[in-house]
Amino acid sequence: METLKREGLKNQIYVNIKFINSELMNIKGINILNKFNKIFIFDSFNSRGIKEKLKTVE
């Protein structure tokens, strides 16, 4: 994350990082991602939220 911010600063691009709980995808749906230009899906050390992460990628 710090690398993204640093590179954005270097290239005069504002980088705003928001974290979204993958389990909210079932509640609010995919439309909550409409306001973003890019999304990154981080891996995790457990299986919690994996179905929602895969659904988001689709």
PDB file of N, CA and C in Angstrom:
ATOM      1  N   MET A   1       0.820  -1.184   0.000  1.00  0.00           N
ATOM      2  CA  MET A   1       0.000   0.000   0.000  1.00  0.00           C
ATOM      3  C   MET A   1       0.864   1.247   0.000  1.00  0.00           C
ATOM      4  N   GLU A   2       1.892   1.227   0.799  1.00  0.00           N
ATOM      5  CA  GLU A   2       2.767   2.399   0.848  1.00  0.00           C
ATOM      6  C   GLU A   2       3.441   2.620  -0.496  1.00  0.00           C
ATOM      7  N   THR A   3       3.750   1.537  -1.189  1.00  0.00           N
ATOM      8  CA  THR A   3       4.362   1.662  -2.511  1.00  0.00           C
ATOM      9  C   THR A   3       3.403   2.333  -3.478  1.00  0.00           C
ATOM     10  N   LEU A   4       2.134   1.969  -3.433  1.00  0.00           N
ATOM     11  CA  LEU A   4       1.138   2.607  -4.301  1.00  0.00           C
ATOM     12  C   LEU A   4       1.048   4.097  -4.019  1.00  0.00           C
ATOM     13  N   LYS A   5       1.008   4.456  -2.754  1.00  0.00           N
ATOM     14  CA  LYS A   5       0.930   5.872  -2.379  1.00  0.00           C
ATOM     15  C   LYS A   5       2.180   6.626  -2.815  1.00  0.00           C
ATOM     16  N   ARG A   6       3.337   6.032  -2.591  1.00  0.00           N
ATOM     17  CA  ARG A   6       4.604   6.680  -2.935  1.00  0.00           C
ATOM     18  C   ARG A   6       4.725   6.881  -4.449  1.00  0.00           C
ATOM     19  N   GLU A   7       4.363   5.861  -5.223  1.00  0.00           N
ATOM     20  CA  GLU A   7       4.422   5.976  -6.678  1.00  0.00           C
ATOM     21  C   GLU A   7       3.394   6.979  -7.192  1.00  0.00           C
ATOM     22  N   GLY A   8       2.238   7.021  -6.558  1.00  0.00           N
ATOM     23  CA  GLY A   8       1.246   8.022  -6.929  1.00  0.00           C
ATOM     24  C   GLY A   8       1.771   9.418  -6.701  1.00  0.00           C
ATOM     25  N   LEU A   9       2.399   9.645  -5.572  1.00  0.00           N
ATOM     26  CA  LEU A   9       2.981  10.948  -5.263  1.00  0.00           C
ATOM     27  C   LEU A   9       4.066  11.308  -6.264  1.00  0.00           C
ATOM     28  N   LYS A  10       4.894  10.344  -6.592  1.00  0.00           N
ATOM     29  CA  LYS A  10       5.976  10.555  -7.553  1.00  0.00           C
ATOM     30  C   LYS A  10       5.431  10.954  -8.926  1.00  0.00           C
ATOM     31  N   ASN A  11       4.278  10.393  -9.292  1.00  0.00           N
ATOM     32  CA  ASN A  11       3.675  10.656 -10.600  1.00  0.00           C
ATOM     33  C   ASN A  11       2.537  11.663 -10.539  1.00  0.00           C
ATOM     34  N   GLN A  12       2.415  12.353  -9.413  1.00  0.00           N
ATOM     35  CA  GLN A  12       1.391  13.374  -9.201  1.00  0.00           C
ATOM     36  C   GLN A  12      -0.019  12.824  -9.397  1.00  0.00           C
ATOM     37  N   ILE A  13      -0.245  11.641  -8.842  1.00  0.00           N
ATOM     38  CA  ILE A  13      -1.547  10.985  -8.895  1.00  0.00           C
ATOM     39  C   ILE A  13      -1.996  10.730  -7.463  1.00  0.00           C
ATOM     40  N   TYR A  14      -3.216  11.141  -7.147  1.00  0.00           N
ATOM     41  CA  TYR A  14      -3.751  10.923  -5.805  1.00  0.00           C
ATOM     42  C   TYR A  14      -4.205   9.475  -5.675  1.00  0.00           C
ATOM     43  N   VAL A  15      -3.697   8.784  -4.693  1.00  0.00           N
ATOM     44  CA  VAL A  15      -4.066   7.392  -4.433  1.00  0.00           C
ATOM     45  C   VAL A  15      -4.863   7.353  -3.135  1.00  0.00           C
ATOM     46  N   ASN A  16      -6.101   6.901  -3.235  1.00  0.00           N
ATOM     47  CA  ASN A  16      -6.979   6.796  -2.075  1.00  0.00           C
ATOM     48  C   ASN A  16      -7.339   5.325  -1.899  1.00  0.00           C
ATOM     49  N   ILE A  17      -6.924   4.748  -0.805  1.00  0.00           N
ATOM     50  CA  ILE A  17      -7.142   3.321  -0.568  1.00  0.00           C
ATOM     51  C   ILE A  17      -8.285   3.134   0.423  1.00  0.00           C
ATOM     52  N   LYS A  18      -9.252   2.330   0.031  1.00  0.00           N
ATOM     53  CA  LYS A  18     -10.391   1.995   0.890  1.00  0.00           C
ATOM     54  C   LYS A  18     -10.429   0.484   1.063  1.00  0.00           C
ATOM     55  N   PHE A  19     -10.693   0.054   2.260  1.00  0.00           N
ATOM     56  CA  PHE A  19     -10.833  -1.369   2.534  1.00  0.00           C
ATOM     57  C   PHE A  19     -12.310  -1.702   2.650  1.00  0.00           C
ATOM     58  N   ILE A  20     -12.718  -2.780   2.001  1.00  0.00           N
ATOM     59  CA  ILE A  20     -14.105  -3.231   2.051  1.00  0.00           C
ATOM     60  C   ILE A  20     -14.096  -4.681   2.510  1.00  0.00           C
ATOM     61  N   ASN A  21     -14.866  -4.965   3.524  1.00  0.00           N
ATOM     62  CA  ASN A  21     -14.998  -6.329   4.010  1.00  0.00           C
ATOM     63  C   ASN A  21     -15.673  -7.161   2.924  1.00  0.00           C
ATOM     64  N   SER A  22     -15.043  -8.246   2.526  1.00  0.00           N
ATOM     65  CA  SER A  22     -15.589  -9.062   1.438  1.00  0.00           C
ATOM     66  C   SER A  22     -16.959  -9.637   1.779  1.00  0.00           C
ATOM     67  N   GLU A  23     -17.254  -9.785   3.048  1.00  0.00           N
ATOM     68  CA  GLU A  23     -18.557 -10.319   3.435  1.00  0.00           C
ATOM     69  C   GLU A  23     -19.686  -9.325   3.173  1.00  0.00           C
ATOM     70  N   LEU A  24     -19.353  -8.045   2.972  1.00  0.00           N
ATOM     71  CA  LEU A  24     -20.377  -7.051   2.636  1.00  0.00           C
ATOM     72  C   LEU A  24     -20.906  -7.234   1.219  1.00  0.00           C
ATOM     73  N   MET A  25     -20.186  -7.966   0.397  1.00  0.00           N
ATOM     74  CA  MET A  25     -20.621  -8.170  -0.984  1.00  0.00           C
ATOM     75  C   MET A  25     -21.969  -8.878  -1.028  1.00  0.00           C
ATOM     76  N   ASN A  26     -22.236  -9.769  -0.089  1.00  0.00           N
ATOM     77  CA  ASN A  26     -23.536 -10.446  -0.037  1.00  0.00           C
ATOM     78  C   ASN A  26     -24.641  -9.493   0.380  1.00  0.00           C
ATOM     79  N   ILE A  27     -24.303  -8.520   1.207  1.00  0.00           N
ATOM     80  CA  ILE A  27     -25.302  -7.599   1.738  1.00  0.00           C
ATOM     81  C   ILE A  27     -25.567  -6.443   0.773  1.00  0.00           C
ATOM     82  N   LYS A  28     -24.508  -5.776   0.344  1.00  0.00           N
ATOM     83  CA  LYS A  28     -24.658  -4.577  -0.478  1.00  0.00           C
ATOM     84  C   LYS A  28     -24.531  -4.847  -1.967  1.00  0.00           C
ATOM     85  N   GLY A  29     -23.957  -5.962  -2.332  1.00  0.00           N
ATOM     86  CA  GLY A  29     -23.822  -6.317  -3.735  1.00  0.00           C
ATOM     87  C   GLY A  29     -22.638  -5.650  -4.407  1.00  0.00           C
ATOM     88  N   ILE A  30     -22.455  -5.998  -5.641  1.00  0.00           N
ATOM     89  CA  ILE A  30     -21.303  -5.551  -6.421  1.00  0.00           C
ATOM     90  C   ILE A  30     -21.339  -4.051  -6.708  1.00  0.00           C
ATOM     91  N   ASN A  31     -22.502  -3.428  -6.584  1.00  0.00           N
ATOM     92  CA  ASN A  31     -22.635  -2.002  -6.894  1.00  0.00           C
ATOM     93  C   ASN A  31     -21.795  -1.104  -5.997  1.00  0.00           C
ATOM     94  N   ILE A  32     -21.374  -1.601  -4.844  1.00  0.00           N
ATOM     95  CA  ILE A  32     -20.543  -0.764  -3.974  1.00  0.00           C
ATOM     96  C   ILE A  32     -19.170  -0.521  -4.585  1.00  0.00           C
ATOM     97  N   LEU A  33     -18.813  -1.291  -5.615  1.00  0.00           N
ATOM     98  CA  LEU A  33     -17.515  -1.113  -6.268  1.00  0.00           C
ATOM     99  C   LEU A  33     -17.560  -0.117  -7.420  1.00  0.00           C
ATOM    100  N   ASN A  34     -18.739   0.344  -7.796  1.00  0.00           N
ATOM    101  CA  ASN A  34     -18.881   1.231  -8.953  1.00  0.00           C
ATOM    102  C   ASN A  34     -18.108   2.534  -8.832  1.00  0.00           C
ATOM    103  N   LYS A  35     -17.879   3.013  -7.636  1.00  0.00           N
ATOM    104  CA  LYS A  35     -17.216   4.303  -7.465  1.00  0.00           C
ATOM    105  C   LYS A  35     -15.690   4.208  -7.543  1.00  0.00           C
ATOM    106  N   PHE A  36     -15.169   2.998  -7.702  1.00  0.00           N
ATOM    107  CA  PHE A  36     -13.723   2.806  -7.728  1.00  0.00           C
ATOM    108  C   PHE A  36     -13.201   2.640  -9.151  1.00  0.00           C
ATOM    109  N   ASN A  37     -11.998   3.137  -9.388  1.00  0.00           N
ATOM    110  CA  ASN A  37     -11.346   2.955 -10.682  1.00  0.00           C
ATOM    111  C   ASN A  37     -10.642   1.610 -10.781  1.00  0.00           C
ATOM    112  N   LYS A  38     -10.071   1.182  -9.686  1.00  0.00           N
ATOM    113  CA  LYS A  38      -9.332  -0.081  -9.626  1.00  0.00           C
ATOM    114  C   LYS A  38      -9.682  -0.798  -8.332  1.00  0.00           C
ATOM    115  N   ILE A  39      -9.594  -2.118  -8.358  1.00  0.00           N
ATOM    116  CA  ILE A  39      -9.737  -2.873  -7.119  1.00  0.00           C
ATOM    117  C   ILE A  39      -8.590  -3.876  -7.017  1.00  0.00           C
ATOM    118  N   PHE A  40      -8.136  -4.093  -5.821  1.00  0.00           N
ATOM    119  CA  PHE A  40      -7.137  -5.113  -5.510  1.00  0.00           C
ATOM    120  C   PHE A  40      -7.773  -6.050  -4.502  1.00  0.00           C
ATOM    121  N   ILE A  41      -7.637  -7.314  -4.751  1.00  0.00           N
ATOM    122  CA  ILE A  41      -8.184  -8.293  -3.827  1.00  0.00           C
ATOM    123  C   ILE A  41      -7.011  -9.002  -3.172  1.00  0.00           C
ATOM    124  N   PHE A  42      -6.862  -8.769  -1.893  1.00  0.00           N
ATOM    125  CA  PHE A  42      -5.750  -9.338  -1.147  1.00  0.00           C
ATOM    126  C   PHE A  42      -6.067 -10.763  -0.733  1.00  0.00           C
ATOM    127  N   ASP A  43      -5.032 -11.564  -0.680  1.00  0.00           N
ATOM    128  CA  ASP A  43      -5.229 -12.924  -0.189  1.00  0.00           C
ATOM    129  C   ASP A  43      -5.331 -12.904   1.329  1.00  0.00           C
ATOM    130  N   SER A  44      -5.713 -14.018   1.872  1.00  0.00           N
ATOM    131  CA  SER A  44      -5.825 -14.100   3.326  1.00  0.00           C
ATOM    132  C   SER A  44      -5.298 -15.452   3.784  1.00  0.00           C
ATOM    133  N   PHE A  45      -5.167 -15.594   5.077  1.00  0.00           N
ATOM    134  CA  PHE A  45      -4.627 -16.821   5.636  1.00  0.00           C
ATOM    135  C   PHE A  45      -5.706 -17.816   6.043  1.00  0.00           C
ATOM    136  N   ASN A  46      -6.958 -17.460   5.813  1.00  0.00           N
ATOM    137  CA  ASN A  46      -8.032 -18.394   6.133  1.00  0.00           C
ATOM    138  C   ASN A  46      -9.069 -18.356   5.022  1.00  0.00           C
ATOM    139  N   SER A  47     -10.075 -19.185   5.131  1.00  0.00           N
ATOM    140  CA  SER A  47     -11.070 -19.281   4.065  1.00  0.00           C
ATOM    141  C   SER A  47     -12.240 -18.320   4.250  1.00  0.00           C
ATOM    142  N   ARG A  48     -12.217 -17.535   5.292  1.00  0.00           N
ATOM    143  CA  ARG A  48     -13.318 -16.613   5.561  1.00  0.00           C
ATOM    144  C   ARG A  48     -13.431 -15.580   4.439  1.00  0.00           C
ATOM    145  N   GLY A  49     -14.602 -15.465   3.868  1.00  0.00           N
ATOM    146  CA  GLY A  49     -14.849 -14.484   2.824  1.00  0.00           C
ATOM    147  C   GLY A  49     -14.365 -14.890   1.445  1.00  0.00           C
ATOM    148  N   ILE A  50     -13.864 -16.105   1.287  1.00  0.00           N
ATOM    149  CA  ILE A  50     -13.300 -16.517   0.001  1.00  0.00           C
ATOM    150  C   ILE A  50     -14.371 -16.581  -1.085  1.00  0.00           C
ATOM    151  N   LYS A  51     -15.576 -17.035  -0.751  1.00  0.00           N
ATOM    152  CA  LYS A  51     -16.653 -17.091  -1.744  1.00  0.00           C
ATOM    153  C   LYS A  51     -16.984 -15.698  -2.257  1.00  0.00           C
ATOM    154  N   GLU A  52     -17.035 -14.731  -1.357  1.00  0.00           N
ATOM    155  CA  GLU A  52     -17.347 -13.360  -1.741  1.00  0.00           C
ATOM    156  C   GLU A  52     -16.226 -12.761  -2.588  1.00  0.00           C
ATOM    157  N   LYS A  53     -14.985 -13.076  -2.255  1.00  0.00           N
ATOM    158  CA  LYS A  53     -13.850 -12.581  -3.048  1.00  0.00           C
ATOM    159  C   LYS A  53     -13.909 -13.132  -4.464  1.00  0.00           C
ATOM    160  N   LEU A  54     -14.182 -14.428  -4.591  1.00  0.00           N
ATOM    161  CA  LEU A  54     -14.279 -15.037  -5.916  1.00  0.00           C
ATOM    162  C   LEU A  54     -15.446 -14.460  -6.703  1.00  0.00           C
ATOM    163  N   LYS A  55     -16.550 -14.215  -6.044  1.00  0.00           N
ATOM    164  CA  LYS A  55     -17.718 -13.618  -6.697  1.00  0.00           C
ATOM    165  C   LYS A  55     -17.388 -12.213  -7.195  1.00  0.00           C
ATOM    166  N   THR A  56     -16.610 -11.468  -6.430  1.00  0.00           N
ATOM    167  CA  THR A  56     -16.202 -10.122  -6.817  1.00  0.00           C
ATOM    168  C   THR A  56     -15.335 -10.159  -8.062  1.00  0.00           C
ATOM    169  N   VAL A  57     -14.446 -11.122  -8.135  1.00  0.00           N
ATOM    170  CA  VAL A  57     -13.565 -11.249  -9.295  1.00  0.00           C
ATOM    171  C   VAL A  57     -14.364 -11.533 -10.556  1.00  0.00           C
ATOM    172  N   GLU A  58     -15.413 -12.331 -10.437  1.00  0.00           N
ATOM    173  CA  GLU A  58     -16.246 -12.647 -11.604  1.00  0.00           C
ATOM    174  C   GLU A  58     -16.803 -11.385 -12.195  1.00  0.00           C
TER     175      GLU A  58
END
